[in-house]
Amino acid sequence: MEAKICRYKNNAKGAFTFVFDDGCYGESTEWVYEIFKGIYEKTGIKFKATSAQTVGFISPRLKDRWVELFEQGYFDLSAHSLNHCIGYNKNTPSEELHKDAKSSQEELYKMYGIKPLTYVTPGGGSDEVGWNALKSYYIANRNGNDRINIPSKIDWYDVGTFTAMLKRTNEEYKNNIDEVIKMGGWSVQINHWVTKKDEDVFHSQSYDTFVYECDYLAKKAKENEIWVSSFNDAVLYLQEAENSTLEIKETDTEYEITLVCPLDKDIYNYPLTIEVKLENTATCVDILPNQTIKIGK
């Protein structure tokens, strides 16, 4: 018998994440929700995007709607600063960096009862000085460098992105997904808005290309070519997979497989996929950190 931890959930070849910056609620948010919901109803594939929220941009009257969206499982939460006016680099005093990082987390928790585990640096331009402040409060940061991430090489405070732009075509979005699958990588797409207008809006994506991209992702997910996850879920999975080992005990009738994860169990509790090979058959099963499962001989 052989067993291994899969690089991605469901033993997919690559991973993909949508992150919508700023947390500005509007038509775009509802369109994304309806598209994701439609895909789930048609295919059984459930997409979840991460809403990176700037505290000062969130209208109190819309708090309840965000709570609904989080509870329905199509979005989760990341912090994106107090007011979007801070650079996470050596040009910002350390006390300001720590104040923003800590207060962003605390204020979003007050709003939603959810403690953000990840951060998204505003405006790019972050460096190791900024990242060191974030490490006191968060488990990962999405930066702005344009690249496909490879799990074995990820710096968790410099997670690169693929930027959505109005001028990008269906073919460009498709090619990025195909390249992710080919490389065995993880693409984190930065979006601000989905728009039905023709004029350029900062980091917007046309509604039509977004629908096309989601349909293509759903097709590839159905074929188990790619895992579509939130930023938070991907970070949890990848960090757990990087740090965990499998402990296997054999009896006369079965194998006992334990996923040994030394990370904080209150944070790192996302199920990993393991592949188990018995003679000429291979089976994939999900297992929680520090859980034991039994496989009959």
Protein backbone atom coordinates (compact mmCIF):
# COMPACT_ATOMS: atom_id res chain seq x y z
CA MET A 1 0.00 0.00 0.00
CA GLU A 2 1.16 3.51 -0.85
CA ALA A 3 -0.33 6.80 0.30
CA LYS A 4 0.56 10.41 -0.43
CA ILE A 5 -0.81 13.89 0.25
CA CYS A 6 -2.10 15.40 -2.99
CA ARG A 7 -0.73 18.77 -4.06
CA TYR A 8 -4.28 20.12 -4.48
CA LYS A 9 -7.71 19.19 -3.21
CA ASN A 10 -9.39 16.37 -5.14
CA ASN A 11 -5.96 15.59 -6.67
CA ALA A 12 -6.54 18.30 -9.27
CA LYS A 13 -3.63 19.33 -11.50
CA GLY A 14 -3.81 23.04 -10.63
CA ALA A 15 -5.69 25.58 -8.51
CA PHE A 16 -7.47 28.86 -9.17
CA THR A 17 -8.73 31.64 -6.91
CA PHE A 18 -10.79 34.81 -7.43
CA VAL A 19 -10.09 37.71 -5.05
CA PHE A 20 -12.32 40.80 -5.25
CA ASP A 21 -10.53 43.77 -3.72
CA ASP A 22 -11.90 46.60 -1.56
CA GLY A 23 -15.20 44.95 -0.58
CA CYS A 24 -17.24 47.54 -2.48
CA TYR A 25 -20.74 46.13 -2.68
CA GLY A 26 -22.86 46.73 -5.78
CA GLU A 27 -24.30 45.18 -8.93
CA SER A 28 -21.00 43.42 -9.58
CA THR A 29 -21.15 41.52 -6.30
CA GLU A 30 -24.68 40.31 -7.02
CA TRP A 31 -23.76 39.29 -10.57
CA VAL A 32 -20.84 37.23 -9.27
CA TYR A 33 -23.10 35.61 -6.70
CA GLU A 34 -25.74 34.74 -9.32
CA ILE A 35 -23.12 33.33 -11.72
CA PHE A 36 -21.56 31.19 -9.00
CA LYS A 37 -24.97 30.02 -7.83
CA GLY A 38 -25.97 29.12 -11.39
CA ILE A 39 -22.80 27.08 -11.90
CA TYR A 40 -23.44 25.19 -8.66
CA GLU A 41 -27.02 24.43 -9.64
CA LYS A 42 -25.98 23.22 -13.11
CA THR A 43 -22.79 21.33 -12.31
CA GLY A 44 -22.53 20.75 -8.56
CA ILE A 45 -19.21 22.65 -8.61
CA LYS A 46 -19.26 25.35 -5.93
CA PHE A 47 -17.04 28.39 -6.47
CA LYS A 48 -16.05 30.58 -3.55
CA ALA A 49 -14.29 33.93 -4.02
CA THR A 50 -12.46 35.93 -1.37
CA SER A 51 -13.73 39.44 -0.60
CA ALA A 52 -10.71 41.51 0.49
CA GLN A 53 -12.35 44.29 2.47
CA THR A 54 -11.10 47.80 3.20
CA VAL A 55 -12.74 48.69 6.51
CA GLY A 56 -13.48 52.33 5.62
CA PHE A 57 -15.17 51.36 2.36
CA ILE A 58 -17.87 49.15 3.91
CA SER A 59 -21.25 50.76 4.41
CA PRO A 60 -22.78 49.73 7.76
CA ARG A 61 -26.21 49.40 6.11
CA LEU A 62 -24.82 46.61 3.88
CA LYS A 63 -23.25 44.60 6.68
CA ASP A 64 -26.19 42.20 6.85
CA ARG A 65 -25.97 41.48 3.11
CA TRP A 66 -22.30 40.61 3.40
CA VAL A 67 -23.11 38.32 6.32
CA GLU A 68 -25.64 36.53 4.06
CA LEU A 69 -23.09 36.16 1.26
CA PHE A 70 -20.50 34.72 3.66
CA GLU A 71 -23.03 32.31 5.18
CA GLN A 72 -24.13 31.05 1.74
CA GLY A 73 -20.56 29.98 1.06
CA TYR A 74 -19.88 31.85 -2.18
CA PHE A 75 -17.51 34.38 -0.55
CA ASP A 76 -15.12 34.47 2.38
CA LEU A 77 -13.22 37.31 4.03
CA SER A 78 -9.74 38.78 3.86
CA ALA A 79 -8.43 42.09 5.26
CA HIS A 80 -7.40 44.88 2.87
CA SER A 81 -6.37 47.70 5.25
CA LEU A 82 -8.29 50.36 7.17
CA ASN A 83 -8.44 53.01 4.46
CA HIS A 84 -6.34 51.85 1.47
CA CYS A 85 -3.83 54.66 2.08
CA ILE A 86 -0.95 52.70 3.57
CA GLY A 87 2.13 51.26 1.88
CA TYR A 88 3.37 48.01 3.39
CA ASN A 89 7.05 48.80 2.98
CA LYS A 90 10.07 50.39 4.64
CA ASN A 91 8.72 53.90 3.96
CA THR A 92 5.94 53.42 6.51
CA PRO A 93 6.80 53.54 10.25
CA SER A 94 6.58 50.17 11.97
CA GLU A 95 3.95 51.36 14.46
CA GLU A 96 1.66 52.41 11.59
CA LEU A 97 2.07 49.05 9.89
CA HIS A 98 1.18 47.16 13.06
CA LYS A 99 -1.73 49.47 13.83
CA ASP A 100 -3.26 48.96 10.39
CA ALA A 101 -2.70 45.20 10.33
CA LYS A 102 -4.13 44.64 13.80
CA SER A 103 -6.98 47.16 13.58
CA SER A 104 -8.10 45.86 10.16
CA GLN A 105 -8.47 42.40 11.63
CA GLU A 106 -10.22 43.65 14.77
CA GLU A 107 -12.68 45.92 12.94
CA LEU A 108 -13.71 43.25 10.44
CA TYR A 109 -14.22 40.83 13.32
CA LYS A 110 -16.49 43.37 15.01
CA MET A 111 -18.52 43.70 11.80
CA TYR A 112 -18.94 40.06 10.89
CA GLY A 113 -17.80 37.87 13.77
CA ILE A 114 -15.17 36.47 11.39
CA LYS A 115 -11.46 36.86 12.10
CA PRO A 116 -9.63 37.35 8.77
CA LEU A 117 -6.73 34.92 8.46
CA THR A 118 -5.22 36.51 5.34
CA TYR A 119 -4.34 40.00 4.16
CA VAL A 120 -4.25 41.74 0.78
CA THR A 121 -1.80 44.63 0.58
CA PRO A 122 -3.34 47.77 -1.00
CA GLY A 123 -1.72 49.34 -4.04
CA GLY A 124 1.17 46.89 -4.32
CA GLY A 125 4.67 48.03 -3.42
CA SER A 126 5.03 45.88 -0.32
CA ASP A 127 8.35 44.50 0.86
CA GLU A 128 9.84 42.42 3.68
CA VAL A 129 9.43 45.22 6.23
CA GLY A 130 5.68 45.29 5.56
CA TRP A 131 5.41 41.52 5.45
CA ASN A 132 7.12 41.16 8.82
CA ALA A 133 4.39 43.33 10.38
CA LEU A 134 1.66 41.24 8.75
CA LYS A 135 3.15 37.98 10.04
CA SER A 136 2.14 38.94 13.57
CA TYR A 137 -1.56 38.74 12.64
CA TYR A 138 -2.08 36.79 9.38
CA ILE A 139 -1.03 33.49 7.82
CA ALA A 140 -0.56 34.82 4.26
CA ASN A 141 -0.62 37.95 2.13
CA ARG A 142 -1.64 38.41 -1.47
CA ASN A 143 0.64 40.93 -3.10
CA GLY A 144 0.51 42.11 -6.70
CA ASN A 145 3.33 40.49 -8.65
CA ASP A 146 2.12 39.03 -11.95
CA ARG A 147 2.86 35.30 -11.96
CA ILE A 148 1.53 31.79 -11.50
CA ASN A 149 2.43 30.48 -8.05
CA ILE A 150 4.16 27.11 -7.64
CA PRO A 151 3.45 25.56 -4.20
CA SER A 152 7.03 24.52 -3.53
CA LYS A 153 8.28 28.06 -4.19
CA ILE A 154 5.61 30.30 -2.64
CA ASP A 155 6.64 33.11 -0.32
CA TRP A 156 3.44 33.37 1.72
CA TYR A 157 3.70 37.15 2.01
CA ASP A 158 4.27 37.70 -1.69
CA VAL A 159 1.59 35.60 -3.38
CA GLY A 160 1.49 36.74 -7.02
CA THR A 161 -1.58 37.51 -9.11
CA PHE A 162 -3.14 37.47 -12.56
CA THR A 163 -4.83 40.83 -13.04
CA ALA A 164 -8.32 41.07 -14.55
CA MET A 165 -8.59 43.91 -17.08
CA LEU A 166 -11.34 45.10 -19.35
CA LYS A 167 -9.13 44.75 -22.41
CA ARG A 168 -8.40 41.06 -21.78
CA THR A 169 -10.11 38.63 -24.14
CA ASN A 170 -11.74 35.25 -23.57
CA GLU A 171 -8.63 33.67 -25.05
CA GLU A 172 -6.34 35.38 -22.53
CA TYR A 173 -8.40 34.17 -19.57
CA LYS A 174 -8.57 30.67 -21.05
CA ASN A 175 -4.82 30.61 -21.74
CA ASN A 176 -4.05 31.55 -18.15
CA ILE A 177 -6.16 28.66 -16.87
CA ASP A 178 -4.57 26.23 -19.35
CA GLU A 179 -1.09 27.38 -18.30
CA VAL A 180 -1.96 26.86 -14.62
CA ILE A 181 -3.01 23.28 -15.36
CA LYS A 182 0.09 22.65 -17.50
CA MET A 183 2.46 24.03 -14.83
CA GLY A 184 0.67 22.43 -11.89
CA GLY A 185 0.43 25.91 -10.39
CA TRP A 186 -1.96 28.18 -8.53
CA SER A 187 -3.35 31.34 -10.12
CA VAL A 188 -4.79 34.08 -7.91
CA GLN A 189 -6.85 36.49 -9.99
CA ILE A 190 -7.27 40.06 -8.76
CA ASN A 191 -10.65 41.64 -9.63
CA HIS A 192 -12.32 44.82 -8.55
CA TRP A 193 -15.55 44.82 -10.52
CA VAL A 194 -17.40 42.92 -13.18
CA THR A 195 -18.92 45.46 -15.55
CA LYS A 196 -21.36 45.60 -18.48
CA LYS A 197 -20.01 48.99 -19.56
CA ASP A 198 -17.55 49.57 -22.40
CA GLU A 199 -15.33 52.15 -20.71
CA ASP A 200 -12.32 51.11 -18.68
CA VAL A 201 -12.77 50.81 -14.93
CA PHE A 202 -9.82 50.06 -12.67
CA HIS A 203 -9.14 46.31 -12.68
CA SER A 204 -12.61 45.64 -14.04
CA GLN A 205 -13.55 42.63 -16.14
CA SER A 206 -16.33 42.55 -18.68
CA TYR A 207 -19.38 40.58 -17.64
CA ASP A 208 -19.15 38.45 -20.78
CA THR A 209 -15.52 37.42 -20.27
CA PHE A 210 -16.24 36.67 -16.60
CA VAL A 211 -19.12 34.36 -17.55
CA TYR A 212 -16.92 32.68 -20.16
CA GLU A 213 -14.07 32.26 -17.68
CA CYS A 214 -16.34 30.80 -14.99
CA ASP A 215 -17.92 28.36 -17.45
CA TYR A 216 -14.48 27.23 -18.60
CA LEU A 217 -13.27 26.86 -15.00
CA ALA A 218 -16.37 24.83 -14.14
CA LYS A 219 -15.73 22.54 -17.13
CA LYS A 220 -12.11 22.01 -16.10
CA ALA A 221 -13.10 21.52 -12.46
CA LYS A 222 -15.66 18.90 -13.49
CA GLU A 223 -12.87 17.09 -15.34
CA ASN A 224 -10.72 17.41 -12.19
CA GLU A 225 -8.15 19.44 -14.06
CA ILE A 226 -8.36 22.41 -11.69
CA TRP A 227 -9.54 23.16 -8.17
CA VAL A 228 -11.46 26.45 -7.86
CA SER A 229 -11.15 27.70 -4.29
CA SER A 230 -11.14 30.83 -2.20
CA PHE A 231 -7.80 32.41 -1.31
CA ASN A 232 -8.24 31.42 2.34
CA ASP A 233 -9.06 27.79 1.54
CA ALA A 234 -6.15 27.46 -0.88
CA VAL A 235 -3.73 28.93 1.68
CA LEU A 236 -4.95 26.56 4.39
CA TYR A 237 -4.72 23.55 2.11
CA LEU A 238 -1.30 24.38 0.71
CA GLN A 239 0.24 25.27 4.08
CA GLU A 240 -1.16 22.12 5.68
CA ALA A 241 0.03 19.96 2.78
CA GLU A 242 3.49 21.51 2.99
CA ASN A 243 3.85 20.81 6.71
CA SER A 244 2.00 17.52 7.21
CA THR A 245 3.06 13.90 7.01
CA LEU A 246 1.23 10.58 6.84
CA GLU A 247 1.63 7.98 9.56
CA ILE A 248 0.59 4.49 8.44
CA LYS A 249 -0.02 1.47 10.69
CA GLU A 250 -0.86 -1.97 9.34
CA THR A 251 -2.95 -4.73 10.90
CA ASP A 252 -4.01 -8.08 9.49
CA THR A 253 -7.17 -6.62 7.96
CA GLU A 254 -6.60 -2.90 7.38
CA TYR A 255 -4.35 0.12 7.23
CA GLU A 256 -4.68 3.02 9.65
CA ILE A 257 -3.65 6.34 8.10
CA THR A 258 -3.15 9.42 10.27
CA LEU A 259 -2.56 12.89 8.87
CA VAL A 260 -0.01 14.40 11.24
CA CYS A 261 -0.10 18.22 11.15
CA PRO A 262 2.01 20.20 13.65
CA LEU A 263 0.32 23.53 12.85
CA ASP A 264 -2.15 25.35 15.13
CA LYS A 265 -5.23 23.11 15.15
CA ASP A 266 -7.55 26.07 15.81
CA ILE A 267 -6.54 27.57 12.44
CA TYR A 268 -5.37 24.69 10.30
CA ASN A 269 -8.39 22.41 10.11
CA TYR A 270 -9.01 22.19 6.37
CA PRO A 271 -9.39 18.66 4.89
CA LEU A 272 -6.56 17.46 2.68
CA THR A 273 -6.91 14.94 -0.13
CA ILE A 274 -4.72 11.86 0.03
CA GLU A 275 -4.25 9.28 -2.70
CA VAL A 276 -4.18 5.65 -1.54
CA LYS A 277 -2.88 2.93 -3.87
CA LEU A 278 -3.79 -0.70 -3.19
CA GLU A 279 -2.41 -3.16 -5.72
CA ASN A 280 -3.67 -1.82 -9.07
CA THR A 281 -6.29 0.59 -7.74
CA ALA A 282 -5.95 4.19 -6.60
CA THR A 283 -8.50 5.99 -4.43
CA CYS A 284 -8.62 9.59 -3.26
CA VAL A 285 -10.11 10.41 0.14
CA ASP A 286 -10.26 13.57 2.24
CA ILE A 287 -8.82 13.58 5.74
CA LEU A 288 -8.67 16.27 8.42
CA PRO A 289 -5.42 17.24 10.15
CA ASN A 290 -4.65 14.80 12.98
CA GLN A 291 -7.51 12.51 11.93
CA THR A 292 -7.11 8.75 11.46
CA ILE A 293 -8.94 6.82 8.74
CA LYS A 294 -9.05 3.06 8.14
CA ILE A 295 -8.65 1.41 4.75
CA GLY A 296 -9.50 -2.27 4.44
CA LYS A 297 -7.08 -4.59 2.68
